[in-house]
Amino acid sequence: MRDYLKAYIKEIEANLKKEKEFSKDDLEKFKTKIMFFQHERLIHLLVTLFYSLFALIFMILGIISLYFLIIFGILLLFVLFYIRHYFFLEKNVQYLYHLYDTMIEKVVR
């Protein structure tokens, strides 16, 4: 997903640098892509929250047995990577909003 999103942003930025005029169809396609990326962002947020919840549960269970702390450590590692990826998606989806606003200014009417 990272590479796909980065490549898509570069493509849009290249079109904006060329001073390309966009049609309403181009804007609709762009809005559809934004919706796909928003959906991806939402899914990653939910997965991150559930991993965090399970990590918290296993941390509390670590009071009972130290073996639960091993599982907690593994889950914590996953949570950190999911948070990193979620913030990448968040930052770039917000940047897509900015690109959309710029594209609106260059719409052929």
C-alpha atoms as a PDB file:
ATOM      1  CA  MET A   1       0.000   0.000   0.000  1.00  0.00           C
ATOM      2  CA  ARG A   2       2.850   2.384   0.782  1.00  0.00           C
ATOM      3  CA  ASP A   3       4.364   2.131  -2.663  1.00  0.00           C
ATOM      4  CA  TYR A   4       0.994   2.385  -4.363  1.00  0.00           C
ATOM      5  CA  LEU A   5       0.036   5.521  -2.439  1.00  0.00           C
ATOM      6  CA  LYS A   6       3.423   7.163  -2.985  1.00  0.00           C
ATOM      7  CA  ALA A   7       3.316   6.418  -6.719  1.00  0.00           C
ATOM      8  CA  TYR A   8      -0.214   7.782  -6.997  1.00  0.00           C
ATOM      9  CA  ILE A   9       0.733  11.002  -5.216  1.00  0.00           C
ATOM     10  CA  LYS A  10       3.755  11.427  -7.507  1.00  0.00           C
ATOM     11  CA  GLU A  11       1.536  10.929 -10.546  1.00  0.00           C
ATOM     12  CA  ILE A  12      -0.932  13.604  -9.407  1.00  0.00           C
ATOM     13  CA  GLU A  13       1.876  15.995  -8.467  1.00  0.00           C
ATOM     14  CA  ALA A  14       3.459  15.505 -11.913  1.00  0.00           C
ATOM     15  CA  ASN A  15       0.140  16.340 -13.575  1.00  0.00           C
ATOM     16  CA  LEU A  16      -0.187  19.443 -11.423  1.00  0.00           C
ATOM     17  CA  LYS A  17       3.353  20.565 -12.288  1.00  0.00           C
ATOM     18  CA  LYS A  18       2.581  20.194 -15.995  1.00  0.00           C
ATOM     19  CA  GLU A  19      -0.289  22.611 -15.433  1.00  0.00           C
ATOM     20  CA  LYS A  20      -2.675  19.986 -16.726  1.00  0.00           C
ATOM     21  CA  GLU A  21      -6.325  20.927 -16.648  1.00  0.00           C
ATOM     22  CA  PHE A  22      -8.556  18.365 -15.021  1.00  0.00           C
ATOM     23  CA  SER A  23     -12.018  17.315 -16.103  1.00  0.00           C
ATOM     24  CA  LYS A  24     -14.865  16.621 -13.730  1.00  0.00           C
ATOM     25  CA  ASP A  25     -14.378  12.941 -14.534  1.00  0.00           C
ATOM     26  CA  ASP A  26     -10.754  13.203 -13.350  1.00  0.00           C
ATOM     27  CA  LEU A  27     -11.974  14.726 -10.101  1.00  0.00           C
ATOM     28  CA  GLU A  28     -14.504  11.934  -9.596  1.00  0.00           C
ATOM     29  CA  LYS A  29     -11.831   9.301 -10.148  1.00  0.00           C
ATOM     30  CA  PHE A  30      -9.585  11.108  -7.691  1.00  0.00           C
ATOM     31  CA  LYS A  31     -12.366  11.273  -5.096  1.00  0.00           C
ATOM     32  CA  THR A  32     -12.918   7.543  -5.544  1.00  0.00           C
ATOM     33  CA  LYS A  33      -9.225   6.868  -4.898  1.00  0.00           C
ATOM     34  CA  ILE A  34      -9.387   9.073  -1.802  1.00  0.00           C
ATOM     35  CA  MET A  35     -12.343   7.010  -0.569  1.00  0.00           C
ATOM     36  CA  PHE A  36     -10.328   3.800  -1.060  1.00  0.00           C
ATOM     37  CA  PHE A  37      -7.416   5.239   0.905  1.00  0.00           C
ATOM     38  CA  GLN A  38      -9.791   6.472   3.626  1.00  0.00           C
ATOM     39  CA  HIS A  39     -11.228   2.977   3.890  1.00  0.00           C
ATOM     40  CA  GLU A  40      -7.729   1.530   4.191  1.00  0.00           C
ATOM     41  CA  ARG A  41      -6.950   4.076   6.896  1.00  0.00           C
ATOM     42  CA  LEU A  42     -10.116   3.163   8.818  1.00  0.00           C
ATOM     43  CA  ILE A  43      -9.321  -0.551   8.660  1.00  0.00           C
ATOM     44  CA  HIS A  44      -5.816   0.073   9.962  1.00  0.00           C
ATOM     45  CA  LEU A  45      -7.187   2.202  12.772  1.00  0.00           C
ATOM     46  CA  LEU A  46      -9.549  -0.584  13.841  1.00  0.00           C
ATOM     47  CA  VAL A  47      -6.829  -3.228  13.638  1.00  0.00           C
ATOM     48  CA  THR A  48      -4.493  -0.995  15.655  1.00  0.00           C
ATOM     49  CA  LEU A  49      -7.143  -0.481  18.328  1.00  0.00           C
ATOM     50  CA  PHE A  50      -7.864  -4.196  18.613  1.00  0.00           C
ATOM     51  CA  TYR A  51      -4.180  -5.117  18.787  1.00  0.00           C
ATOM     52  CA  SER A  52      -3.774  -2.443  21.476  1.00  0.00           C
ATOM     53  CA  LEU A  53      -6.711  -3.876  23.416  1.00  0.00           C
ATOM     54  CA  PHE A  54      -5.318  -7.412  23.231  1.00  0.00           C
ATOM     55  CA  ALA A  55      -1.865  -6.160  24.215  1.00  0.00           C
ATOM     56  CA  LEU A  56      -3.385  -4.444  27.240  1.00  0.00           C
ATOM     57  CA  ILE A  57      -5.249  -7.620  28.200  1.00  0.00           C
ATOM     58  CA  PHE A  58      -2.065  -9.712  27.969  1.00  0.00           C
ATOM     59  CA  MET A  59      -0.148  -7.091  29.945  1.00  0.00           C
ATOM     60  CA  ILE A  60      -2.703  -7.390  32.737  1.00  0.00           C
ATOM     61  CA  LEU A  61      -2.590 -11.191  32.481  1.00  0.00           C
ATOM     62  CA  GLY A  62       1.173 -10.886  32.913  1.00  0.00           C
ATOM     63  CA  ILE A  63       0.445 -10.488  36.610  1.00  0.00           C
ATOM     64  CA  ILE A  64      -0.750 -14.114  36.626  1.00  0.00           C
ATOM     65  CA  SER A  65       2.052 -15.621  34.553  1.00  0.00           C
ATOM     66  CA  LEU A  66       5.186 -14.288  32.924  1.00  0.00           C
ATOM     67  CA  TYR A  67       4.354 -16.247  29.767  1.00  0.00           C
ATOM     68  CA  PHE A  68       1.614 -13.749  29.027  1.00  0.00           C
ATOM     69  CA  LEU A  69       4.229 -11.002  28.970  1.00  0.00           C
ATOM     70  CA  ILE A  70       5.914 -12.719  26.018  1.00  0.00           C
ATOM     71  CA  ILE A  71       2.668 -12.522  24.071  1.00  0.00           C
ATOM     72  CA  PHE A  72       2.292  -8.933  25.252  1.00  0.00           C
ATOM     73  CA  GLY A  73       5.739  -8.100  23.842  1.00  0.00           C
ATOM     74  CA  ILE A  74       4.877  -9.607  20.474  1.00  0.00           C
ATOM     75  CA  LEU A  75       1.567  -7.760  20.330  1.00  0.00           C
ATOM     76  CA  LEU A  76       3.256  -4.520  21.368  1.00  0.00           C
ATOM     77  CA  LEU A  77       5.662  -4.888  18.456  1.00  0.00           C
ATOM     78  CA  PHE A  78       2.726  -5.308  16.068  1.00  0.00           C
ATOM     79  CA  VAL A  79       0.980  -2.288  17.585  1.00  0.00           C
ATOM     80  CA  LEU A  80       4.038  -0.114  17.031  1.00  0.00           C
ATOM     81  CA  PHE A  81       4.261  -1.096  13.369  1.00  0.00           C
ATOM     82  CA  TYR A  82       0.526  -0.614  12.867  1.00  0.00           C
ATOM     83  CA  ILE A  83       0.705   2.846  14.464  1.00  0.00           C
ATOM     84  CA  ARG A  84       3.584   3.753  12.176  1.00  0.00           C
ATOM     85  CA  HIS A  85       1.667   2.602   9.110  1.00  0.00           C
ATOM     86  CA  TYR A  86      -1.560   4.259  10.262  1.00  0.00           C
ATOM     87  CA  PHE A  87       0.145   7.623  10.638  1.00  0.00           C
ATOM     88  CA  PHE A  88       1.683   7.221   7.177  1.00  0.00           C
ATOM     89  CA  LEU A  89      -1.807   6.667   5.765  1.00  0.00           C
ATOM     90  CA  GLU A  90      -3.263   9.533   7.797  1.00  0.00           C
ATOM     91  CA  LYS A  91      -0.621  12.016   6.663  1.00  0.00           C
ATOM     92  CA  ASN A  92      -0.895  11.065   3.007  1.00  0.00           C
ATOM     93  CA  VAL A  93      -4.694  10.992   2.896  1.00  0.00           C
ATOM     94  CA  GLN A  94      -4.707  14.507   4.299  1.00  0.00           C
ATOM     95  CA  TYR A  95      -2.182  15.459   1.631  1.00  0.00           C
ATOM     96  CA  LEU A  96      -4.562  14.016  -0.982  1.00  0.00           C
ATOM     97  CA  TYR A  97      -7.206  16.429   0.315  1.00  0.00           C
ATOM     98  CA  HIS A  98      -4.783  19.271  -0.369  1.00  0.00           C
ATOM     99  CA  LEU A  99      -4.087  17.945  -3.871  1.00  0.00           C
ATOM    100  CA  TYR A 100      -7.825  17.687  -4.491  1.00  0.00           C
ATOM    101  CA  ASP A 101      -8.283  21.342  -3.571  1.00  0.00           C
ATOM    102  CA  THR A 102      -5.490  22.249  -5.969  1.00  0.00           C
ATOM    103  CA  MET A 103      -7.067  20.134  -8.710  1.00  0.00           C
ATOM    104  CA  ILE A 104     -10.422  21.871  -8.243  1.00  0.00           C
ATOM    105  CA  GLU A 105      -8.787  25.167  -9.128  1.00  0.00           C
ATOM    106  CA  LYS A 106      -7.655  23.669 -12.461  1.00  0.00           C
ATOM    107  CA  VAL A 107     -10.919  22.123 -13.579  1.00  0.00           C
ATOM    108  CA  VAL A 108     -12.013  22.679 -17.155  1.00  0.00           C
ATOM    109  CA  ARG A 109     -15.487  24.141 -16.994  1.00  0.00           C
END
